[in-house]
Amino acid sequence: MKSLYIRIVVTFIVIAMVSSILALLLSNVYYLNKLQAYNDKKIMNIGKEIRGLYELNPNLDLDRYLTSIGSMGFQIYMVNERLEGTFYGAPFKHVQIDPEHIRSVLKGGIYNGIMEQRHFLKVTGIFENSIRNSVGLPLNVQGQAYALFVRPNLEQQIGEVRILLALLLGVTFLISIVLIVILTRYIVKPVQQLTAATNKIVGGDYDIEMDVSRQDEIGNLARHFALMAQSLKRLDDMRQEFVANVSHEIQSPLTSIHGFAQSIVDQEATPEEQERYIRIIAEESSRLSALSKQLLTLAALDKEASVMKRTSYRLDEQLRNSLIVTEWQWMEKGLSVEPDLPEIVIHADPQLLVQVWLNLITNSIKFSRPGGTISISIAVERDIAVTIKDTGIGIPASELPYIFDRFYKADKARSRTHSGSGLGLAIAKKIVELHGGTIAVRSEAGKGSEFTVRLPHL
């Protein structure tokens, strides 16, 4: 039974069967506690009425009288002192009865066969068509003792109801099984679709179609699965693009380094050209070094290989030093810097956090128009909020959900003119999260961006 469909069907059928058994057991308990004594008393009263009516009219023909009573829906067995019996009404299916019970009734006793049923499920004994399942009363006929055994003929009285009830229960059970077999397909079908979609994703195909219109757990799972597929597709696309970009960024400086170095070795360049070539080689080497460093940093943060070295230090001073380090960049573009940095002490890893500030500041410088403004402020509430805002070209709204994804570059055309690997913001987010903080962005294309880093207070 490896199929989920078969398991669900079998489970429902077992549940239906177990429910039926439990219902029968509970009905038996109810019958024993509530109905058995009532049923015995009711039939006993009927027997007494039959006997009493005859005693009021002792001149009646007893055979005709009991025959009439039997035709009204009762089964009667009358026994004389010689234990010779006569049946009236519909015949009993089982006629065995202990002679001692008969003798006891002949001596004036009462026989309560309904209360003495020996069935495991006594509720089923109601329908037992036997002399044992009757009541026995003594009857005096012209000075002779008789034992009168009486029970209702349920086949005649409620036979149609029994058949109807059995048919109703049987058809209900069969229809339930058929509906379970059919409807279970609708439960399993979305799971089968998810399995097929998973196989497509494993094969590298992320274009899947799921039924996301359902408003239940399956529909919710399908929506999350579709979002996951989109995320995987976007990540795969970014990785492929990243590999292409890194290959280009590595190949381009390596080609330049090789070409210029070869020119110097072959002494084909003038001393002035050699000096310029050496300068270019140094710049290209720096680019390669920076790219390698970012990749190693991200890998170390992912594995948490770099142990956090927290210490208490002045956050405002760290931000001012970051502005000083990047001064030549924002001065070269004629940018105005507006710091609002009140004195604040933070407990964090200064070597890691400085990478966050340098990344955000250099991004603001890189994408600001000449003559623009960059503002940096610190606000202390329940946490420490550092806001870095610029009046640059901004980020399109469609790009905002993805800018912290690894290898992602917002505005691909713009990124070609500004060197970068698409790892800076991913590294910054990882560092902030390792400190138990958050990083968020608000931006509007053409009007600038605002990054807010929130870190726990001391």
Protein backbone atom coordinates (compact mmCIF):
# COMPACT_ATOMS: atom_id res chain seq x y z
CA MET A 1 0.00 0.00 0.00
CA LYS A 2 2.55 2.54 -1.11
CA SER A 3 -0.01 4.68 -2.94
CA LEU A 4 -1.36 7.58 -0.88
CA TYR A 5 -4.68 7.20 -2.70
CA ILE A 6 -5.06 3.56 -1.62
CA ARG A 7 -3.99 4.39 1.93
CA ILE A 8 -6.61 7.13 2.25
CA VAL A 9 -9.36 4.93 0.80
CA VAL A 10 -8.47 2.00 3.09
CA THR A 11 -8.21 4.39 6.06
CA PHE A 12 -11.71 5.77 5.43
CA ILE A 13 -13.16 2.27 5.02
CA VAL A 14 -11.50 1.11 8.25
CA ILE A 15 -12.84 4.21 10.00
CA ALA A 16 -16.35 3.43 8.74
CA MET A 17 -16.10 -0.20 9.92
CA VAL A 18 -14.65 0.71 13.32
CA SER A 19 -17.32 3.40 13.73
CA SER A 20 -20.02 0.83 12.96
CA ILE A 21 -18.60 -1.63 15.51
CA LEU A 22 -18.32 1.06 18.18
CA ALA A 23 -21.87 2.22 17.43
CA LEU A 24 -23.09 -1.37 17.84
CA LEU A 25 -21.26 -1.74 21.16
CA LEU A 26 -22.66 1.56 22.44
CA SER A 27 -26.15 0.51 21.31
CA ASN A 28 -25.71 -2.73 23.24
CA VAL A 29 -24.73 -0.80 26.38
CA TYR A 30 -27.76 1.47 25.96
CA TYR A 31 -30.03 -1.54 25.44
CA LEU A 32 -28.75 -3.25 28.60
CA ASN A 33 -29.11 -0.11 30.72
CA LYS A 34 -32.33 1.34 29.30
CA LEU A 35 -34.32 -0.95 27.04
CA GLN A 36 -33.91 -4.57 28.11
CA ALA A 37 -35.92 -4.33 31.33
CA TYR A 38 -38.49 -2.10 29.61
CA ASN A 39 -38.88 -4.58 26.74
CA ASP A 40 -39.27 -7.50 29.18
CA LYS A 41 -41.86 -5.61 31.20
CA LYS A 42 -43.80 -4.65 28.08
CA ILE A 43 -43.99 -8.23 26.77
CA MET A 44 -44.79 -9.52 30.24
CA ASN A 45 -47.75 -7.13 30.42
CA ILE A 46 -48.91 -8.35 27.00
CA GLY A 47 -48.77 -11.95 28.25
CA LYS A 48 -50.72 -11.00 31.37
CA GLU A 49 -53.35 -9.24 29.22
CA ILE A 50 -53.72 -12.36 27.06
CA ARG A 51 -54.07 -14.55 30.18
CA GLY A 52 -56.35 -12.08 31.95
CA LEU A 53 -58.72 -11.78 28.99
CA TYR A 54 -59.12 -15.56 28.90
CA GLU A 55 -59.66 -15.79 32.66
CA LEU A 56 -62.45 -13.24 32.34
CA ASN A 57 -64.11 -15.47 29.75
CA PRO A 58 -63.26 -19.06 30.78
CA ASN A 59 -65.90 -20.48 28.44
CA LEU A 60 -63.95 -19.36 25.37
CA ASP A 61 -62.55 -21.97 23.06
CA LEU A 62 -58.90 -21.76 24.09
CA ASP A 63 -57.56 -22.97 20.73
CA ARG A 64 -59.59 -20.47 18.75
CA TYR A 65 -58.74 -17.73 21.23
CA LEU A 66 -55.00 -18.33 21.08
CA THR A 67 -55.16 -18.74 17.30
CA SER A 68 -56.77 -15.31 17.07
CA ILE A 69 -54.15 -13.78 19.34
CA GLY A 70 -51.39 -15.39 17.25
CA SER A 71 -52.84 -13.96 14.03
CA MET A 72 -52.61 -10.48 15.58
CA GLY A 73 -48.81 -10.65 15.52
CA PHE A 74 -47.80 -12.87 18.43
CA GLN A 75 -46.06 -16.20 18.75
CA ILE A 76 -47.48 -18.51 21.44
CA TYR A 77 -46.39 -21.85 22.84
CA MET A 78 -48.71 -23.53 25.37
CA VAL A 79 -47.52 -26.61 27.30
CA ASN A 80 -49.59 -28.90 29.52
CA GLU A 81 -48.49 -30.86 32.59
CA ARG A 82 -47.31 -33.75 30.40
CA LEU A 83 -44.94 -31.27 28.67
CA GLU A 84 -46.96 -31.55 25.47
CA GLY A 85 -46.88 -28.27 23.61
CA THR A 86 -48.99 -26.52 20.98
CA PHE A 87 -47.89 -23.58 18.80
CA TYR A 88 -50.09 -20.67 17.78
CA GLY A 89 -49.29 -17.89 15.34
CA ALA A 90 -46.11 -17.88 13.27
CA PRO A 91 -43.80 -20.82 14.03
CA PHE A 92 -40.72 -20.40 16.16
CA LYS A 93 -37.42 -20.81 14.38
CA HIS A 94 -35.85 -22.38 17.47
CA VAL A 95 -38.08 -24.49 19.73
CA GLN A 96 -35.51 -25.69 22.22
CA ILE A 97 -36.18 -24.72 25.84
CA ASP A 98 -35.02 -26.21 29.11
CA PRO A 99 -37.82 -28.44 30.53
CA GLU A 100 -37.02 -27.10 34.00
CA HIS A 101 -38.21 -23.67 32.87
CA ILE A 102 -41.49 -25.22 31.73
CA ARG A 103 -41.99 -27.09 35.03
CA SER A 104 -41.21 -23.88 36.94
CA VAL A 105 -43.96 -22.03 35.07
CA LEU A 106 -46.41 -24.93 35.52
CA LYS A 107 -45.84 -24.60 39.26
CA GLY A 108 -46.81 -20.92 39.12
CA GLY A 109 -43.45 -19.32 38.38
CA ILE A 110 -42.56 -16.67 35.86
CA TYR A 111 -40.10 -17.12 32.98
CA ASN A 112 -38.16 -14.01 31.87
CA GLY A 113 -36.36 -15.30 28.78
CA ILE A 114 -35.68 -11.79 27.49
CA MET A 115 -33.67 -10.96 30.61
CA GLU A 116 -31.78 -14.27 30.43
CA GLN A 117 -30.34 -13.89 26.92
CA ARG A 118 -26.84 -15.30 26.58
CA HIS A 119 -25.77 -13.33 23.51
CA PHE A 120 -22.54 -11.33 23.60
CA LEU A 121 -24.45 -8.49 21.95
CA LYS A 122 -27.77 -8.70 23.72
CA VAL A 123 -29.24 -5.96 21.56
CA THR A 124 -29.33 -8.47 18.69
CA GLY A 125 -31.33 -10.86 20.91
CA ILE A 126 -34.43 -8.74 20.35
CA PHE A 127 -34.80 -10.40 16.97
CA GLU A 128 -34.07 -13.99 18.10
CA ASN A 129 -37.06 -16.06 16.99
CA SER A 130 -37.02 -18.74 19.71
CA ILE A 131 -39.03 -19.91 22.68
CA ARG A 132 -36.09 -19.01 24.91
CA ASN A 133 -36.59 -15.36 23.90
CA SER A 134 -40.10 -15.11 25.36
CA VAL A 135 -41.95 -14.66 28.64
CA GLY A 136 -43.67 -17.59 30.39
CA LEU A 137 -46.82 -17.34 32.54
CA PRO A 138 -48.86 -19.99 34.34
CA LEU A 139 -52.42 -20.45 32.97
CA ASN A 140 -55.23 -22.41 34.62
CA VAL A 141 -57.67 -23.97 32.18
CA GLN A 142 -60.60 -25.73 33.84
CA GLY A 143 -58.46 -26.85 36.73
CA GLN A 144 -55.49 -27.91 34.65
CA ALA A 145 -52.15 -26.12 34.78
CA TYR A 146 -50.59 -24.85 31.57
CA ALA A 147 -47.45 -22.90 30.81
CA LEU A 148 -48.07 -20.04 28.35
CA PHE A 149 -45.01 -18.69 26.49
CA VAL A 150 -45.54 -15.47 24.52
CA ARG A 151 -43.38 -13.17 22.35
CA PRO A 152 -44.22 -10.59 19.67
CA ASN A 153 -43.82 -11.75 16.09
CA LEU A 154 -41.38 -9.05 15.06
CA GLU A 155 -41.21 -10.43 11.52
CA GLN A 156 -44.91 -9.66 11.13
CA GLN A 157 -45.01 -6.49 13.17
CA ILE A 158 -41.88 -4.69 11.98
CA GLY A 159 -40.52 -6.99 9.25
CA GLU A 160 -40.71 -4.28 6.59
CA VAL A 161 -38.95 -1.81 8.91
CA ARG A 162 -36.13 -4.30 9.52
CA ILE A 163 -35.68 -4.85 5.80
CA LEU A 164 -35.81 -1.12 5.14
CA LEU A 165 -33.33 -0.41 7.92
CA ALA A 166 -30.92 -3.12 6.72
CA LEU A 167 -31.23 -1.84 3.14
CA LEU A 168 -30.68 1.73 4.32
CA LEU A 169 -27.54 0.84 6.29
CA GLY A 170 -26.15 -1.39 3.55
CA VAL A 171 -26.73 1.11 0.76
CA THR A 172 -25.36 3.93 2.92
CA PHE A 173 -22.18 1.96 3.55
CA LEU A 174 -21.75 1.08 -0.14
CA ILE A 175 -22.43 4.67 -1.26
CA SER A 176 -19.95 5.90 1.36
CA ILE A 177 -17.26 3.59 -0.04
CA VAL A 178 -17.99 4.72 -3.61
CA LEU A 179 -17.87 8.40 -2.59
CA ILE A 180 -14.64 7.80 -0.65
CA VAL A 181 -13.07 6.17 -3.71
CA ILE A 182 -14.16 9.04 -5.96
CA LEU A 183 -13.61 12.03 -3.69
CA THR A 184 -10.25 10.79 -2.44
CA ARG A 185 -8.96 11.37 -5.95
CA TYR A 186 -9.63 15.08 -5.48
CA ILE A 187 -7.63 15.01 -2.23
CA VAL A 188 -4.71 13.12 -3.73
CA LYS A 189 -4.68 14.91 -7.09
CA PRO A 190 -3.05 18.14 -5.75
CA VAL A 191 -0.39 16.03 -4.02
CA GLN A 192 0.28 14.25 -7.31
CA GLN A 193 0.55 17.64 -9.00
CA LEU A 194 3.03 18.74 -6.35
CA THR A 195 5.05 15.57 -6.95
CA ALA A 196 5.08 16.20 -10.69
CA ALA A 197 6.04 19.84 -10.10
CA THR A 198 8.86 18.72 -7.80
CA ASN A 199 10.18 16.40 -10.50
CA LYS A 200 10.10 19.30 -12.99
CA ILE A 201 12.04 21.51 -10.60
CA VAL A 202 14.60 18.75 -10.05
CA GLY A 203 14.98 18.64 -13.82
CA GLY A 204 15.61 22.38 -13.92
CA ASP A 205 12.16 23.40 -15.22
CA TYR A 206 10.70 26.05 -12.93
CA ASP A 207 7.67 26.92 -15.08
CA ILE A 208 5.02 24.99 -13.18
CA GLU A 209 1.26 25.41 -13.02
CA MET A 210 -0.50 24.85 -9.71
CA ASP A 211 -4.12 25.21 -8.62
CA VAL A 212 -3.77 28.15 -6.24
CA SER A 213 -7.50 28.98 -6.19
CA ARG A 214 -8.34 26.54 -3.38
CA GLN A 215 -8.91 28.19 -0.01
CA ASP A 216 -7.70 25.33 2.16
CA GLU A 217 -4.41 23.86 3.38
CA ILE A 218 -3.77 22.24 -0.03
CA GLY A 219 -4.32 25.56 -1.78
CA ASN A 220 -2.08 27.31 0.71
CA LEU A 221 0.61 24.68 0.13
CA ALA A 222 0.25 25.09 -3.65
CA ARG A 223 0.65 28.88 -3.36
CA HIS A 224 3.76 28.53 -1.21
CA PHE A 225 5.13 25.91 -3.57
CA ALA A 226 4.58 28.20 -6.57
CA LEU A 227 6.34 31.04 -4.73
CA MET A 228 9.19 28.68 -3.89
CA ALA A 229 9.50 27.69 -7.56
CA GLN A 230 9.61 31.35 -8.56
CA SER A 231 12.28 32.03 -5.94
CA LEU A 232 14.33 29.05 -7.11
CA LYS A 233 14.02 30.18 -10.72
CA ARG A 234 15.07 33.70 -9.79
CA LEU A 235 17.99 32.34 -7.75
CA ASP A 236 19.05 30.05 -10.58
CA ASP A 237 18.84 32.92 -13.07
CA MET A 238 20.86 35.15 -10.74
CA ARG A 239 23.48 32.48 -10.23
CA GLN A 240 23.83 31.95 -13.95
CA GLU A 241 24.07 35.68 -14.46
CA PHE A 242 26.53 35.91 -11.59
CA VAL A 243 28.74 33.22 -13.08
CA ALA A 244 28.67 35.06 -16.40
CA ASN A 245 29.40 38.40 -14.71
CA VAL A 246 32.18 36.99 -12.52
CA SER A 247 33.68 35.20 -15.49
CA HIS A 248 33.61 38.45 -17.46
CA GLU A 249 34.94 40.49 -14.56
CA ILE A 250 37.75 38.01 -13.97
CA GLN A 251 38.52 37.47 -17.63
CA SER A 252 38.60 41.17 -18.50
CA PRO A 253 41.22 42.24 -15.91
CA LEU A 254 43.22 39.06 -16.47
CA THR A 255 43.33 39.79 -20.19
CA SER A 256 44.38 43.36 -19.49
CA ILE A 257 47.00 42.27 -16.96
CA HIS A 258 48.36 39.64 -19.34
CA GLY A 259 48.47 42.04 -22.29
CA PHE A 260 50.12 44.91 -20.45
CA ALA A 261 52.54 42.61 -18.64
CA GLN A 262 53.51 41.00 -21.93
CA SER A 263 54.14 44.42 -23.46
CA ILE A 264 56.43 45.32 -20.56
CA VAL A 265 58.26 41.98 -20.76
CA ASP A 266 58.73 42.36 -24.54
CA GLN A 267 59.91 45.95 -23.96
CA GLU A 268 57.55 47.17 -26.64
CA ALA A 269 56.33 50.13 -24.55
CA THR A 270 58.01 53.41 -23.73
CA PRO A 271 58.90 54.14 -20.10
CA GLU A 272 55.81 56.37 -19.81
CA GLU A 273 53.58 53.62 -21.22
CA GLN A 274 55.17 51.07 -18.94
CA GLU A 275 54.36 53.22 -15.92
CA ARG A 276 50.74 53.56 -17.10
CA TYR A 277 50.53 49.81 -17.76
CA ILE A 278 51.81 49.04 -14.29
CA ARG A 279 49.21 51.36 -12.79
CA ILE A 280 46.45 49.62 -14.75
CA ILE A 281 47.76 46.20 -13.68
CA ALA A 282 47.61 47.36 -10.03
CA GLU A 283 44.03 48.62 -10.44
CA GLU A 284 42.86 45.42 -12.11
CA SER A 285 44.54 43.35 -9.43
CA SER A 286 42.70 45.34 -6.78
CA ARG A 287 39.40 44.60 -8.52
CA LEU A 288 40.14 40.89 -8.52
CA SER A 289 41.19 41.02 -4.89
CA ALA A 290 38.00 42.84 -3.88
CA LEU A 291 35.84 40.30 -5.70
CA SER A 292 37.63 37.37 -4.06
CA LYS A 293 37.35 39.01 -0.67
CA GLN A 294 33.58 39.46 -1.03
CA LEU A 295 33.09 35.84 -2.02
CA LEU A 296 35.19 34.60 0.88
CA THR A 297 33.42 36.92 3.32
CA LEU A 298 29.98 35.68 2.28
CA ALA A 299 31.07 32.05 2.49
CA ALA A 300 32.51 32.63 5.96
CA LEU A 301 29.32 34.36 7.16
CA ASP A 302 27.15 31.54 5.78
CA LYS A 303 29.11 28.96 7.69
CA GLU A 304 29.48 31.30 10.66
CA ALA A 305 33.16 30.43 10.48
CA SER A 306 34.05 33.96 11.46
CA VAL A 307 33.59 34.19 15.21
CA MET A 308 31.77 37.32 16.29
CA LYS A 309 34.06 39.49 18.35
CA ARG A 310 31.74 41.85 20.14
CA THR A 311 33.03 44.85 21.99
CA SER A 312 31.62 48.15 23.17
CA TYR A 313 32.62 51.15 21.06
CA ARG A 314 31.36 54.49 19.78
CA LEU A 315 29.08 53.89 16.80
CA ASP A 316 29.01 57.59 15.86
CA GLU A 317 32.81 57.63 15.59
CA GLN A 318 32.77 54.53 13.38
CA LEU A 319 30.31 56.20 11.00
CA ARG A 320 32.41 59.40 10.87
CA ASN A 321 35.51 57.33 10.08
CA SER A 322 33.58 55.61 7.30
CA LEU A 323 32.76 59.01 5.82
CA ILE A 324 36.43 60.00 6.06
CA VAL A 325 37.52 56.80 4.32
CA THR A 326 35.13 57.50 1.40
CA GLU A 327 35.76 61.27 1.38
CA TRP A 328 37.70 61.31 -1.89
CA GLN A 329 34.78 59.53 -3.60
CA TRP A 330 31.99 61.90 -2.53
CA MET A 331 34.22 64.93 -2.87
CA GLU A 332 35.07 63.92 -6.45
CA LYS A 333 31.32 63.88 -7.36
CA GLY A 334 30.66 67.12 -5.49
CA LEU A 335 28.22 65.50 -3.07
CA SER A 336 27.08 67.13 0.16
CA VAL A 337 27.25 64.97 3.27
CA GLU A 338 24.93 65.77 6.18
CA PRO A 339 25.78 63.72 9.28
CA ASP A 340 23.54 63.72 12.35
CA LEU A 341 25.49 61.47 14.67
CA PRO A 342 24.85 61.87 18.40
CA GLU A 343 27.19 60.04 20.71
CA ILE A 344 26.09 56.43 21.14
CA VAL A 345 27.85 53.29 22.40
CA ILE A 346 27.06 49.95 20.83
CA HIS A 347 28.07 46.38 21.69
CA ALA A 348 28.91 44.71 18.39
CA ASP A 349 31.69 43.47 16.13
CA PRO A 350 33.29 46.64 14.71
CA GLN A 351 35.17 44.79 11.95
CA LEU A 352 31.94 43.36 10.56
CA LEU A 353 29.71 46.40 11.00
CA VAL A 354 32.15 48.71 9.25
CA GLN A 355 31.61 46.63 6.11
CA VAL A 356 27.89 47.43 6.34
CA TRP A 357 28.47 51.18 6.60
CA LEU A 358 31.08 51.28 3.83
CA ASN A 359 28.83 49.26 1.53
CA LEU A 360 25.80 51.49 2.07
CA ILE A 361 27.81 54.71 1.84
CA THR A 362 29.67 53.70 -1.33
CA ASN A 363 26.37 52.60 -2.92
CA SER A 364 24.86 56.00 -2.12
CA ILE A 365 27.90 57.72 -3.64
CA LYS A 366 27.93 55.44 -6.69
CA PHE A 367 24.29 56.00 -7.60
CA SER A 368 23.98 59.67 -6.63
CA ARG A 369 23.98 62.41 -9.24
CA PRO A 370 26.79 64.99 -9.09
CA GLY A 371 25.88 67.68 -6.62
CA GLY A 372 23.48 65.43 -4.69
CA THR A 373 23.16 64.98 -0.94
CA ILE A 374 23.87 62.07 1.38
CA SER A 375 22.56 62.18 4.94
CA ILE A 376 23.53 59.84 7.77
CA SER A 377 21.70 59.85 11.09
CA ILE A 378 21.40 57.84 14.31
CA ALA A 379 18.15 57.56 16.27
CA VAL A 380 17.84 55.76 19.60
CA GLU A 381 14.45 54.29 20.46
CA ARG A 382 13.92 50.74 21.66
CA ASP A 383 16.80 49.93 19.37
CA ILE A 384 19.50 51.83 17.50
CA ALA A 385 18.44 52.96 14.03
CA VAL A 386 21.07 54.08 11.53
CA THR A 387 19.64 55.73 8.41
CA ILE A 388 21.64 56.44 5.26
CA LYS A 389 19.70 58.47 2.72
CA ASP A 390 20.65 59.82 -0.70
CA THR A 391 19.06 61.85 -3.50
CA GLY A 392 20.27 59.54 -6.23
CA ILE A 393 18.59 57.68 -9.06
CA GLY A 394 16.65 55.40 -6.69
CA ILE A 395 15.50 51.83 -7.16
CA PRO A 396 12.40 50.78 -9.13
CA ALA A 397 9.58 49.40 -6.97
CA SER A 398 9.69 46.09 -8.86
CA GLU A 399 13.33 45.59 -7.81
CA LEU A 400 12.98 46.38 -4.10
CA PRO A 401 11.96 42.86 -2.92
CA TYR A 402 15.13 41.38 -4.43
CA ILE A 403 17.96 43.81 -3.77
CA PHE A 404 19.21 41.83 -0.75
CA ASP A 405 19.28 38.59 -2.73
CA ARG A 406 22.70 37.28 -3.49
CA PHE A 407 24.12 37.99 -6.91
CA TYR A 408 21.21 40.32 -7.65
CA LYS A 409 21.84 43.60 -9.46
CA ALA A 410 19.03 46.09 -9.72
CA ASP A 411 18.93 47.84 -13.09
CA LYS A 412 21.16 45.59 -15.17
CA ALA A 413 22.08 48.34 -17.66
CA ARG A 414 23.11 50.64 -14.82
CA SER A 415 25.18 47.90 -13.21
CA ARG A 416 27.35 47.55 -16.27
CA THR A 417 28.51 51.11 -15.85
CA HIS A 418 29.11 50.70 -12.13
CA SER A 419 31.30 47.75 -11.28
CA GLY A 420 29.93 45.37 -8.66
CA SER A 421 29.25 41.72 -8.04
CA GLY A 422 25.78 41.99 -6.52
CA LEU A 423 27.07 40.66 -3.19
CA GLY A 424 27.47 43.84 -1.16
CA LEU A 425 23.90 44.15 0.14
CA ALA A 426 23.65 40.40 0.73
CA ILE A 427 26.78 40.60 2.90
CA ALA A 428 25.44 43.66 4.73
CA LYS A 429 22.12 41.94 5.48
CA LYS A 430 23.87 38.81 6.74
CA ILE A 431 26.09 40.82 9.09
CA VAL A 432 23.12 42.79 10.46
CA GLU A 433 21.15 39.58 11.04
CA LEU A 434 24.11 38.02 12.85
CA HIS A 435 23.91 40.99 15.22
CA GLY A 436 20.20 40.34 15.79
CA GLY A 437 19.14 43.37 13.75
CA THR A 438 17.23 44.18 10.57
CA ILE A 439 17.88 46.19 7.43
CA ALA A 440 15.15 47.80 5.34
CA VAL A 441 14.96 50.09 2.34
CA ARG A 442 12.58 52.72 1.03
CA SER A 443 13.16 54.03 -2.46
CA GLU A 444 11.51 55.70 -5.40
CA ALA A 445 12.94 55.73 -8.87
CA GLY A 446 14.46 59.11 -9.65
CA LYS A 447 14.17 60.42 -6.08
CA GLY A 448 16.75 58.47 -4.08
CA SER A 449 16.95 55.67 -1.56
CA GLU A 450 16.85 55.37 2.22
CA PHE A 451 18.41 52.38 4.02
CA THR A 452 17.65 51.86 7.72
CA VAL A 453 19.66 49.46 9.87
CA ARG A 454 18.21 48.60 13.28
CA LEU A 455 20.46 47.04 15.89
CA PRO A 456 19.76 45.97 19.50
CA HIS A 457 20.64 48.50 22.17
CA LEU A 458 22.94 47.65 25.06
